[in-house]
């Protein structure tokens, strides 16, 4: 629903696009991070790759998704499955944000996501000192919450490096996904693009 400046064309435009391609229902999500407009850039960046400025996590995106969904008539609400993901996946406090948003709108949220873990460009643009990993201790607290609430988790996590490796057909980071699935066998995990992106090597 939102771009890298946390702007939106609105749910009406989204539904018109859905009608145009015959989609009856859709997942409604924000964007967990936003792009900083740096002082040496004359124009506001629109996309994360528009300039060398960093990105940062933007929790209010979840509130904007909630506000947009709540503003819809009942018949239109049924077309969307709102999810939340505006938190730092390396922060052990992240589950507190998820819990607060879930308690605030207990019958609205249909899942948690799209969580940005290993990502081509965004990972290096975020102003953090830890790599966001799918098996990070902070994420494990999120998974436990989702298992307890029976919520699916949607995440982006590259399956392989973004630079040329040995070319042996081995995916460098699949083991991190496997570790999560072994530790949380009841977790409903949706792996965006099955770990493939424009820059994964294998």
Protein backbone atom coordinates (compact mmCIF):
# COMPACT_ATOMS: atom_id res chain seq x y z
CA UNK A 1 0.00 0.00 0.00
CA UNK A 2 2.92 2.36 0.71
CA UNK A 3 6.07 3.37 -1.14
CA UNK A 4 9.50 4.29 0.23
CA UNK A 5 8.21 7.73 1.27
CA UNK A 6 5.23 6.11 3.03
CA UNK A 7 2.89 7.59 0.41
CA UNK A 8 -0.11 5.80 -1.05
CA UNK A 9 -2.56 6.14 -3.92
CA UNK A 10 -5.19 4.82 -1.51
CA UNK A 11 -7.32 1.73 -1.22
CA UNK A 12 -9.74 2.96 -3.90
CA UNK A 13 -6.95 2.93 -6.46
CA UNK A 14 -5.84 -0.48 -5.22
CA UNK A 15 -9.33 -1.91 -5.66
CA UNK A 16 -9.58 -0.42 -9.15
CA UNK A 17 -6.32 -2.14 -10.04
CA UNK A 18 -7.60 -5.39 -8.53
CA UNK A 19 -10.81 -5.14 -10.55
CA UNK A 20 -8.78 -4.47 -13.68
CA UNK A 21 -6.92 -7.74 -13.37
CA UNK A 22 -9.74 -9.83 -11.89
CA UNK A 23 -8.31 -10.10 -8.37
CA UNK A 24 -11.07 -10.53 -5.79
CA UNK A 25 -8.88 -10.39 -2.68
CA UNK A 26 -5.45 -9.13 -1.73
CA UNK A 27 -3.03 -8.89 1.16
CA UNK A 28 -2.79 -5.29 2.35
CA UNK A 29 0.65 -4.38 3.63
CA UNK A 30 2.72 -1.30 4.24
CA UNK A 31 6.46 -0.97 3.86
CA UNK A 32 8.54 -1.60 6.99
CA UNK A 33 11.14 1.02 6.13
CA UNK A 34 11.32 4.45 4.57
CA UNK A 35 14.00 6.32 2.65
CA UNK A 36 15.81 9.22 4.27
CA UNK A 37 15.95 12.47 2.28
CA UNK A 38 19.55 13.58 2.82
CA UNK A 39 20.58 17.23 2.90
CA UNK A 40 22.88 16.89 -0.14
CA UNK A 41 20.09 15.57 -2.38
CA UNK A 42 18.11 18.34 -4.16
CA UNK A 43 15.15 16.05 -4.93
CA UNK A 44 13.21 13.81 -2.59
CA UNK A 45 14.00 10.15 -3.37
CA UNK A 46 11.07 7.99 -4.39
CA UNK A 47 12.65 4.54 -4.44
CA UNK A 48 15.32 3.03 -2.21
CA UNK A 49 17.81 3.07 -5.11
CA UNK A 50 17.29 6.68 -6.14
CA UNK A 51 20.39 7.85 -4.26
CA UNK A 52 22.94 6.72 -1.68
CA UNK A 53 20.88 7.81 1.31
CA UNK A 54 20.02 5.24 3.99
CA UNK A 55 16.67 3.69 4.90
CA UNK A 56 15.25 3.29 8.38
CA UNK A 57 12.46 1.27 9.97
CA UNK A 58 9.09 2.99 10.13
CA UNK A 59 6.63 1.37 12.59
CA UNK A 60 3.87 3.89 11.85
CA UNK A 61 3.34 2.15 8.50
CA UNK A 62 1.30 -0.46 10.37
CA UNK A 63 -0.99 2.22 11.77
CA UNK A 64 -1.50 3.62 8.27
CA UNK A 65 -2.53 0.17 7.02
CA UNK A 66 -4.94 -0.15 9.94
CA UNK A 67 -6.40 3.32 9.32
CA UNK A 68 -6.90 2.60 5.62
CA UNK A 69 -8.63 -0.72 6.31
CA UNK A 70 -10.83 0.71 9.06
CA UNK A 71 -11.97 3.53 6.74
CA UNK A 72 -13.35 1.03 4.20
CA UNK A 73 -17.01 0.00 4.07
CA UNK A 74 -17.60 -3.51 5.44
CA UNK A 75 -18.08 -5.01 1.97
CA UNK A 76 -14.68 -3.69 0.87
CA UNK A 77 -12.87 -4.71 4.05
CA UNK A 78 -13.63 -8.31 3.15
CA UNK A 79 -11.44 -7.95 0.06
CA UNK A 80 -8.28 -7.32 2.07
CA UNK A 81 -6.15 -9.28 4.51
CA UNK A 82 -4.18 -6.61 6.42
CA UNK A 83 -0.77 -7.58 7.77
CA UNK A 84 1.76 -5.71 9.92
CA UNK A 85 5.52 -5.62 9.61
CA UNK A 86 6.79 -2.17 10.55
CA UNK A 87 9.45 -3.21 13.02
CA UNK A 88 13.19 -3.79 13.22
CA UNK A 89 13.75 -7.56 12.95
CA UNK A 90 16.99 -7.29 14.95
CA UNK A 91 15.30 -5.64 17.94
CA UNK A 92 14.33 -7.97 20.78
CA UNK A 93 11.62 -5.42 21.61
CA UNK A 94 9.97 -5.88 18.18
CA UNK A 95 7.48 -8.38 19.56
CA UNK A 96 6.16 -5.64 21.84
CA UNK A 97 5.17 -3.58 18.82
CA UNK A 98 3.46 -6.59 17.23
CA UNK A 99 1.63 -7.37 20.47
CA UNK A 100 0.43 -3.78 20.90
CA UNK A 101 -0.85 -3.55 17.32
CA UNK A 102 -2.55 -6.94 17.58
CA UNK A 103 -4.25 -6.00 20.86
CA UNK A 104 -5.35 -2.65 19.45
CA UNK A 105 -7.04 -4.30 16.44
CA UNK A 106 -7.53 -7.92 17.56
CA UNK A 107 -9.87 -9.05 14.78
CA UNK A 108 -8.23 -7.16 11.95
CA UNK A 109 -4.73 -8.56 11.40
CA UNK A 110 -4.41 -11.65 9.20
CA UNK A 111 -0.66 -12.05 9.49
CA UNK A 112 2.75 -10.50 10.11
CA UNK A 113 4.83 -9.25 7.17
CA UNK A 114 6.38 -8.44 4.86
CA UNK A 115 9.45 -8.64 7.07
CA UNK A 116 12.66 -7.60 5.34
CA UNK A 117 15.55 -9.83 6.39
CA UNK A 118 18.41 -10.57 3.98
CA UNK A 119 17.59 -8.32 1.04
CA UNK A 120 19.59 -7.31 -2.03
CA UNK A 121 19.82 -3.58 -1.46
CA UNK A 122 17.77 -2.66 1.57
CA UNK A 123 19.85 -4.60 4.11
CA UNK A 124 22.92 -2.47 3.43
CA UNK A 125 20.89 0.76 3.39
CA UNK A 126 19.36 0.30 6.83
CA UNK A 127 21.07 2.23 9.60
CA UNK A 128 21.82 -0.77 11.78
CA UNK A 129 24.82 -2.68 13.05
CA UNK A 130 23.23 -6.12 12.76
CA UNK A 131 22.22 -8.02 9.66
CA UNK A 132 18.49 -8.81 9.84
CA UNK A 133 18.32 -12.59 9.76
CA UNK A 134 15.36 -14.92 9.59
CA UNK A 135 16.77 -16.89 12.53
CA UNK A 136 17.67 -13.84 14.64
CA UNK A 137 16.62 -14.15 18.33
CA UNK A 138 14.28 -11.17 17.90
CA UNK A 139 12.51 -12.95 15.05
CA UNK A 140 12.11 -16.08 17.13
CA UNK A 141 10.05 -14.09 19.61
CA UNK A 142 7.87 -12.95 16.70
CA UNK A 143 7.45 -16.54 15.51
CA UNK A 144 6.38 -17.71 18.93
CA UNK A 145 3.75 -14.97 19.05
CA UNK A 146 2.50 -15.93 15.59
CA UNK A 147 2.26 -19.61 16.49
CA UNK A 148 0.24 -18.74 19.60
CA UNK A 149 -2.11 -16.48 17.60
CA UNK A 150 -2.20 -18.77 14.53
CA UNK A 151 -0.93 -15.99 12.27
CA UNK A 152 1.12 -16.61 9.13
CA UNK A 153 4.45 -14.83 8.68
CA UNK A 154 5.45 -13.34 5.31
CA UNK A 155 9.13 -12.50 4.89
CA UNK A 156 11.81 -11.71 2.37
CA UNK A 157 15.05 -13.60 2.92
CA UNK A 158 17.55 -14.16 0.14
CA UNK A 159 18.43 -17.81 -0.33
CA UNK A 160 21.91 -17.03 -1.62
CA UNK A 161 24.61 -14.37 -1.81
CA UNK A 162 24.35 -11.39 -4.11
CA UNK A 163 27.88 -11.91 -5.44
CA UNK A 164 29.38 -14.80 -7.33
CA UNK A 165 30.29 -17.70 -5.08
CA UNK A 166 31.74 -21.06 -5.93
CA UNK A 167 28.99 -21.81 -8.42
CA UNK A 168 28.44 -25.22 -6.84
CA UNK A 169 24.65 -24.92 -6.84
CA UNK A 170 24.57 -24.52 -3.06
CA UNK A 171 22.35 -21.83 -1.59
CA UNK A 172 24.27 -20.01 1.10
CA UNK A 173 21.39 -19.03 3.41
CA UNK A 174 18.77 -21.76 3.07
CA UNK A 175 19.98 -23.32 6.31
CA UNK A 176 18.70 -20.27 8.20
CA UNK A 177 15.17 -20.94 6.94
CA UNK A 178 15.53 -24.64 7.74
CA UNK A 179 16.60 -23.82 11.28
CA UNK A 180 13.45 -21.75 11.83
CA UNK A 181 11.19 -24.48 10.43
CA UNK A 182 12.80 -27.11 12.66
CA UNK A 183 12.50 -24.95 15.75
CA UNK A 184 8.93 -23.81 14.97
CA UNK A 185 7.22 -26.75 13.22
CA UNK A 186 3.77 -25.18 13.65
CA UNK A 187 4.77 -21.84 12.13
CA UNK A 188 2.97 -20.82 8.93
CA UNK A 189 5.92 -19.31 7.09
CA UNK A 190 5.51 -17.72 3.65
CA UNK A 191 8.90 -17.29 1.98
CA UNK A 192 8.62 -14.51 -0.60
CA UNK A 193 9.91 -15.54 -4.02
CA UNK A 194 11.26 -18.74 -2.39
CA UNK A 195 14.38 -16.73 -1.59
CA UNK A 196 15.07 -15.67 -5.18
CA UNK A 197 15.64 -12.05 -6.13
CA UNK A 198 17.19 -10.04 -8.95
CA UNK A 199 20.64 -10.35 -7.36
CA UNK A 200 20.81 -13.82 -5.80
CA UNK A 201 23.63 -15.67 -7.54
CA UNK A 202 22.36 -19.26 -7.76
